[in-house]
Amino acid sequence: MKAPKIPKRNYWISARPNAYGFGHDWDLVVKAGKKKQVFMLGQDAKVVSRALGMRMDDAVDYYSKKAGSKDWEKVAPFIADDVVRANLGLEAGEPIMPAHIKALLKGQPWEMAVE
């Protein structure tokens, strides 16, 4: 049986400095065709602990090892994959397919926020 073709990634993580100046506010940006949705995730430690289920130190080690680098541009796609899978209830490593992205696009910008 032939494995399904996995589409190119059309979602990414954005992390910008927050108003306090010592952390970041994270968003998940999802795009399909002309439709684009930005989901507000929350601040650094909250996203890592509540959305990804890790301590910040563990997440840095895990994702930098997975990406083979500590460079944000290389690490961010792996974080985006795991945030999408967590929000859709997918298993680790399960392919993210176009139907999954369409399901995400039906959500509201605040639905993924962690508190």
Protein backbone atom coordinates (compact mmCIF):
# COMPACT_ATOMS: atom_id res chain seq x y z
CA MET A 1 0.00 0.00 0.00
CA LYS A 2 1.35 3.40 -0.99
CA ALA A 3 1.79 5.99 1.78
CA PRO A 4 -0.35 9.15 1.44
CA LYS A 5 1.40 12.19 0.01
CA ILE A 6 2.00 14.68 2.79
CA PRO A 7 1.37 18.25 1.65
CA LYS A 8 3.84 21.04 2.24
CA ARG A 9 3.45 22.87 5.52
CA ASN A 10 0.95 25.73 5.25
CA TYR A 11 1.03 26.71 8.91
CA TRP A 12 3.71 28.22 11.10
CA ILE A 13 4.44 29.60 14.55
CA SER A 14 5.00 33.29 15.11
CA ALA A 15 6.61 34.48 18.35
CA ARG A 16 6.93 38.20 18.94
CA PRO A 17 8.23 40.06 22.02
CA ASN A 18 5.39 40.84 24.40
CA ALA A 19 4.59 44.21 25.96
CA TYR A 20 6.53 43.35 29.12
CA GLY A 21 9.77 42.99 27.17
CA PHE A 22 10.93 39.69 28.65
CA GLY A 23 8.84 37.07 26.92
CA HIS A 24 7.05 36.26 23.70
CA ASP A 25 3.44 35.99 22.59
CA TRP A 26 2.98 33.01 20.29
CA ASP A 27 0.53 32.64 17.41
CA LEU A 28 -0.21 29.77 15.07
CA VAL A 29 -0.80 31.03 11.53
CA VAL A 30 -2.75 28.71 9.23
CA LYS A 31 -3.29 29.36 5.53
CA ALA A 32 -5.19 27.48 2.85
CA GLY A 33 -5.78 29.14 -0.48
CA LYS A 34 -6.86 32.72 0.18
CA LYS A 35 -8.05 32.00 3.70
CA LYS A 36 -5.69 32.78 6.56
CA GLN A 37 -6.38 32.45 10.27
CA VAL A 38 -4.16 33.57 13.14
CA PHE A 39 -4.67 31.70 16.42
CA MET A 40 -3.44 33.40 19.57
CA LEU A 41 -1.67 30.75 21.64
CA GLY A 42 -0.29 32.68 24.60
CA GLN A 43 3.06 33.31 26.25
CA ASP A 44 6.23 31.20 26.10
CA ALA A 45 5.98 28.99 29.19
CA LYS A 46 2.21 28.63 28.97
CA VAL A 47 2.33 27.39 25.39
CA VAL A 48 5.19 25.01 26.09
CA SER A 49 3.70 23.59 29.30
CA ARG A 50 -0.01 23.53 28.49
CA ALA A 51 -0.13 23.02 24.73
CA LEU A 52 2.98 20.85 24.38
CA GLY A 53 3.09 19.29 27.86
CA MET A 54 6.75 20.13 28.52
CA ARG A 55 8.91 22.23 30.78
CA MET A 56 10.66 25.07 28.97
CA ASP A 57 14.15 23.59 29.48
CA ASP A 58 12.98 20.21 28.21
CA ALA A 59 11.32 21.80 25.18
CA VAL A 60 14.50 23.64 24.20
CA ASP A 61 16.50 20.40 24.36
CA TYR A 62 13.80 18.33 22.61
CA TYR A 63 13.16 20.69 19.68
CA SER A 64 16.77 21.71 19.12
CA LYS A 65 17.73 18.02 18.97
CA LYS A 66 14.82 17.27 16.63
CA ALA A 67 15.77 20.17 14.34
CA GLY A 68 19.50 19.63 14.65
CA SER A 69 19.86 23.29 15.57
CA LYS A 70 18.84 25.92 18.11
CA ASP A 71 18.02 28.36 15.30
CA TRP A 72 14.39 29.49 15.61
CA GLU A 73 13.75 29.19 11.86
CA LYS A 74 14.69 25.50 12.01
CA VAL A 75 12.98 24.71 15.33
CA ALA A 76 9.67 26.56 14.76
CA PRO A 77 8.25 24.12 12.14
CA PHE A 78 8.57 21.22 14.60
CA ILE A 79 6.79 23.22 17.29
CA ALA A 80 4.06 24.17 14.80
CA ASP A 81 3.57 20.50 13.90
CA ASP A 82 3.13 19.55 17.54
CA VAL A 83 0.77 22.45 18.30
CA VAL A 84 -1.42 21.48 15.34
CA ARG A 85 -1.42 17.81 16.32
CA ALA A 86 -2.23 18.66 19.95
CA ASN A 87 -5.15 20.85 18.95
CA LEU A 88 -6.56 18.28 16.55
CA GLY A 89 -6.01 15.32 18.87
CA LEU A 90 -3.61 13.63 16.44
CA GLU A 91 -0.94 11.16 17.51
CA ALA A 92 2.74 12.16 17.51
CA GLY A 93 4.12 11.76 14.01
CA GLU A 94 0.68 11.39 12.41
CA PRO A 95 0.63 13.26 9.07
CA ILE A 96 -1.18 16.58 9.00
CA MET A 97 -3.37 16.48 5.93
CA PRO A 98 -5.35 19.18 4.04
CA ALA A 99 -8.58 18.10 5.77
CA HIS A 100 -6.93 18.82 9.12
CA ILE A 101 -5.99 22.32 7.99
CA LYS A 102 -9.53 22.97 6.75
CA ALA A 103 -10.85 21.88 10.15
CA LEU A 104 -8.50 24.34 11.87
CA LEU A 105 -9.61 27.19 9.61
CA LYS A 106 -13.17 26.81 10.91
CA GLY A 107 -12.01 27.78 14.42
CA GLN A 108 -11.94 31.14 16.14
CA PRO A 109 -8.66 33.02 16.80
CA TRP A 110 -8.92 32.55 20.56
CA GLU A 111 -9.86 28.85 20.60
CA MET A 112 -6.28 27.61 20.93
CA ALA A 113 -5.22 30.08 23.60
CA VAL A 114 -3.78 28.50 26.72
CA GLU A 115 -4.53 30.02 30.09
